[in-house]
Amino acid sequence: MKKLLGMMLVTAGLVVVARGDEAAETALIRKKALSLVESIQKGNYALLADLTYPKVVKMAGGKEKLIDAVTRQTEIMKAQGVTITRVAVGQPGKRASKGTNSFVIVPATTEVSTPAATIVAKSYLLGISPDGGKTWTFIEGRGLSTKERRDLILPEMPDGFRLPQLQQPEITKKTQ
């Protein structure tokens, strides 16, 4: 009886440790996703590049070219009176793995103000970890909207792992 009770306590302890590890991993993913969106808001495009999935950085011509492109685009937006007013991330979904890669969906909402309207776009960040969840980089979901883009950018994903369907942005016209 004591042996059975001991085994049950050890098993319960392992479940608590596993749940603790899962909670810690979820907190890490969310922290990294928040760092990514904050880097955009603060203009820290070097951090943005560091937290972007490496293949996307490579496709942009490298870190410096990505930083330059984002900087130029931001300047164009500002000149047109377009500003990102809010970016929020939700709780990461369940992690799925294939080979050495792990994947997770993090819901994201971006609010943009233009002279004529406010736009709220609900999307997601796809987190990818090449090392079992120790490090994470991200791709914004709208960049994966076509099969061709997904095939070009993403490693093979687990069977049954599906990217969320993108929603149309909500546009609220401003009154003059």
Protein backbone atom coordinates (compact mmCIF):
# COMPACT_ATOMS: atom_id res chain seq x y z
CA MET A 1 0.00 0.00 0.00
CA LYS A 2 2.82 2.41 0.91
CA LYS A 3 4.56 1.54 -2.37
CA LEU A 4 1.39 2.28 -4.37
CA LEU A 5 0.85 5.54 -2.51
CA GLY A 6 4.49 6.50 -3.14
CA MET A 7 4.13 5.77 -6.87
CA MET A 8 0.95 7.84 -7.02
CA LEU A 9 2.69 10.80 -5.33
CA VAL A 10 5.64 10.58 -7.72
CA THR A 11 3.28 10.43 -10.70
CA ALA A 12 1.28 13.39 -9.38
CA GLY A 13 4.52 15.28 -8.87
CA LEU A 14 5.58 14.61 -12.47
CA VAL A 15 2.22 15.89 -13.74
CA VAL A 16 2.60 19.09 -11.68
CA VAL A 17 6.17 19.58 -13.00
CA ALA A 18 4.99 18.99 -16.59
CA ARG A 19 2.16 21.49 -16.15
CA GLY A 20 4.62 23.94 -14.61
CA ASP A 21 6.96 23.50 -17.59
CA GLU A 22 4.03 24.03 -19.96
CA ALA A 23 2.99 27.20 -18.12
CA ALA A 24 6.58 28.47 -18.18
CA GLU A 25 6.83 27.78 -21.90
CA THR A 26 3.52 29.56 -22.58
CA ALA A 27 4.76 32.55 -20.56
CA LEU A 28 8.04 32.56 -22.55
CA ILE A 29 6.22 32.44 -25.90
CA ARG A 30 3.87 35.25 -24.90
CA LYS A 31 6.76 37.34 -23.56
CA LYS A 32 8.65 36.94 -26.86
CA ALA A 33 5.52 37.78 -28.89
CA LEU A 34 4.95 40.89 -26.73
CA SER A 35 8.59 41.88 -27.26
CA LEU A 36 8.06 41.58 -31.00
CA VAL A 37 5.00 43.85 -31.07
CA GLU A 38 6.57 46.32 -28.64
CA SER A 39 9.65 46.50 -30.89
CA ILE A 40 7.40 47.73 -33.68
CA GLN A 41 5.72 50.32 -31.48
CA LYS A 42 9.06 51.58 -30.10
CA GLY A 43 10.87 51.56 -33.43
CA ASN A 44 13.39 48.96 -32.26
CA TYR A 45 13.66 47.29 -35.64
CA ALA A 46 16.87 45.41 -34.73
CA LEU A 47 14.88 43.53 -32.08
CA LEU A 48 12.06 43.05 -34.58
CA ALA A 49 14.54 41.40 -36.95
CA ASP A 50 15.94 39.21 -34.15
CA LEU A 51 12.45 37.93 -33.30
CA THR A 52 11.45 37.35 -36.93
CA TYR A 53 11.67 33.83 -38.33
CA PRO A 54 15.18 33.58 -39.90
CA LYS A 55 13.97 32.52 -43.35
CA VAL A 56 11.88 35.71 -43.58
CA VAL A 57 14.94 37.77 -42.61
CA LYS A 58 16.99 35.95 -45.25
CA MET A 59 14.30 36.52 -47.89
CA ALA A 60 14.39 40.25 -47.06
CA GLY A 61 18.11 40.29 -47.89
CA GLY A 62 19.39 39.99 -44.32
CA LYS A 63 18.91 41.78 -41.04
CA GLU A 64 20.15 45.22 -42.16
CA LYS A 65 18.00 45.25 -45.29
CA LEU A 66 14.96 44.19 -43.26
CA ILE A 67 15.61 46.99 -40.77
CA ASP A 68 16.01 49.49 -43.61
CA ALA A 69 12.79 48.32 -45.31
CA VAL A 70 10.76 48.54 -42.10
CA THR A 71 12.24 51.95 -41.32
CA ARG A 72 11.37 53.28 -44.79
CA GLN A 73 7.84 51.84 -44.64
CA THR A 74 7.29 53.39 -41.22
CA GLU A 75 8.46 56.77 -42.50
CA ILE A 76 6.07 56.53 -45.48
CA MET A 77 3.20 55.63 -43.16
CA LYS A 78 3.95 58.56 -40.83
CA ALA A 79 4.14 60.97 -43.80
CA GLN A 80 0.67 59.78 -44.83
CA GLY A 81 -0.72 60.23 -41.32
CA VAL A 82 -0.90 56.49 -40.64
CA THR A 83 0.06 55.28 -37.17
CA ILE A 84 -0.12 51.97 -35.36
CA THR A 85 -2.09 52.88 -32.26
CA ARG A 86 -2.34 49.50 -30.57
CA VAL A 87 -0.99 46.00 -30.93
CA ALA A 88 -2.08 43.25 -28.56
CA VAL A 89 -1.29 39.56 -28.33
CA GLY A 90 -3.43 36.85 -26.77
CA GLN A 91 -2.55 33.62 -25.05
CA PRO A 92 -0.52 31.18 -27.15
CA GLY A 93 -2.32 28.08 -28.33
CA LYS A 94 -1.19 24.51 -27.88
CA ARG A 95 2.29 23.70 -29.13
CA ALA A 96 2.68 21.14 -31.93
CA SER A 97 5.94 19.61 -33.10
CA LYS A 98 7.38 17.88 -36.14
CA GLY A 99 10.99 16.77 -36.10
CA THR A 100 13.05 19.40 -34.31
CA ASN A 101 10.55 22.21 -35.03
CA SER A 102 7.76 23.32 -32.72
CA PHE A 103 4.89 25.58 -33.75
CA VAL A 104 2.38 27.69 -31.85
CA ILE A 105 -0.30 30.20 -32.79
CA VAL A 106 -0.44 33.48 -30.86
CA PRO A 107 -3.55 35.59 -31.59
CA ALA A 108 -2.75 39.23 -32.39
CA THR A 109 -4.79 42.38 -32.95
CA THR A 110 -3.44 45.54 -34.59
CA GLU A 111 -5.20 48.90 -34.62
CA VAL A 112 -4.10 51.47 -37.19
CA SER A 113 -5.25 55.07 -37.40
CA THR A 114 -5.34 56.86 -40.75
CA PRO A 115 -6.65 60.35 -41.51
CA ALA A 116 -9.84 58.77 -42.91
CA ALA A 117 -10.42 55.68 -40.75
CA THR A 118 -9.45 53.42 -37.92
CA ILE A 119 -8.60 49.88 -38.96
CA VAL A 120 -8.61 46.90 -36.60
CA ALA A 121 -7.02 43.77 -38.00
CA LYS A 122 -7.21 40.46 -36.15
CA SER A 123 -4.49 38.06 -37.15
CA TYR A 124 -1.93 35.84 -35.48
CA LEU A 125 1.76 35.33 -35.02
CA LEU A 126 3.09 31.90 -35.92
CA GLY A 127 5.80 31.05 -33.43
CA ILE A 128 8.45 28.60 -34.60
CA SER A 129 11.10 27.02 -32.40
CA PRO A 130 13.89 24.94 -33.94
CA ASP A 131 15.09 23.65 -30.56
CA GLY A 132 12.17 22.15 -28.70
CA GLY A 133 10.80 25.43 -27.33
CA LYS A 134 13.97 27.02 -25.95
CA THR A 135 13.98 29.86 -28.50
CA TRP A 136 11.11 31.31 -30.56
CA THR A 137 10.85 33.50 -33.64
CA PHE A 138 7.66 34.65 -35.36
CA ILE A 139 5.93 35.28 -38.66
CA GLU A 140 2.88 37.55 -38.89
CA GLY A 141 -0.09 35.56 -40.20
CA ARG A 142 -0.93 37.88 -43.08
CA GLY A 143 2.47 37.04 -44.57
CA LEU A 144 1.31 33.43 -44.83
CA SER A 145 -2.00 34.11 -46.56
CA THR A 146 -1.28 32.07 -49.70
CA LYS A 147 -0.23 28.45 -50.10
CA GLU A 148 2.70 29.60 -52.24
CA ARG A 149 4.01 31.83 -49.43
CA ARG A 150 3.55 29.11 -46.83
CA ASP A 151 5.36 26.56 -49.02
CA LEU A 152 8.20 29.01 -49.66
CA ILE A 153 8.70 30.09 -46.04
CA LEU A 154 7.64 27.37 -43.63
CA PRO A 155 9.27 24.12 -42.67
CA GLU A 156 7.07 21.03 -42.75
CA MET A 157 4.38 21.36 -40.13
CA PRO A 158 2.78 18.63 -38.02
CA ASP A 159 -0.18 16.73 -39.44
CA GLY A 160 -3.40 18.32 -38.27
CA PHE A 161 -1.78 21.65 -37.34
CA ARG A 162 -3.81 24.33 -39.08
CA LEU A 163 -3.21 28.03 -39.43
CA PRO A 164 -6.20 30.19 -38.50
CA GLN A 165 -8.37 31.67 -41.22
CA LEU A 166 -7.65 35.38 -41.56
CA GLN A 167 -10.53 37.77 -41.00
CA GLN A 168 -11.23 40.92 -42.97
CA PRO A 169 -10.11 44.03 -41.08
CA GLU A 170 -12.79 46.14 -39.41
CA ILE A 171 -12.76 49.64 -40.89
CA THR A 172 -14.45 52.52 -39.11
CA LYS A 173 -14.56 55.73 -41.14
CA LYS A 174 -13.84 58.92 -39.26
CA THR A 175 -16.27 61.80 -39.49
CA GLN A 176 -14.79 65.10 -40.63
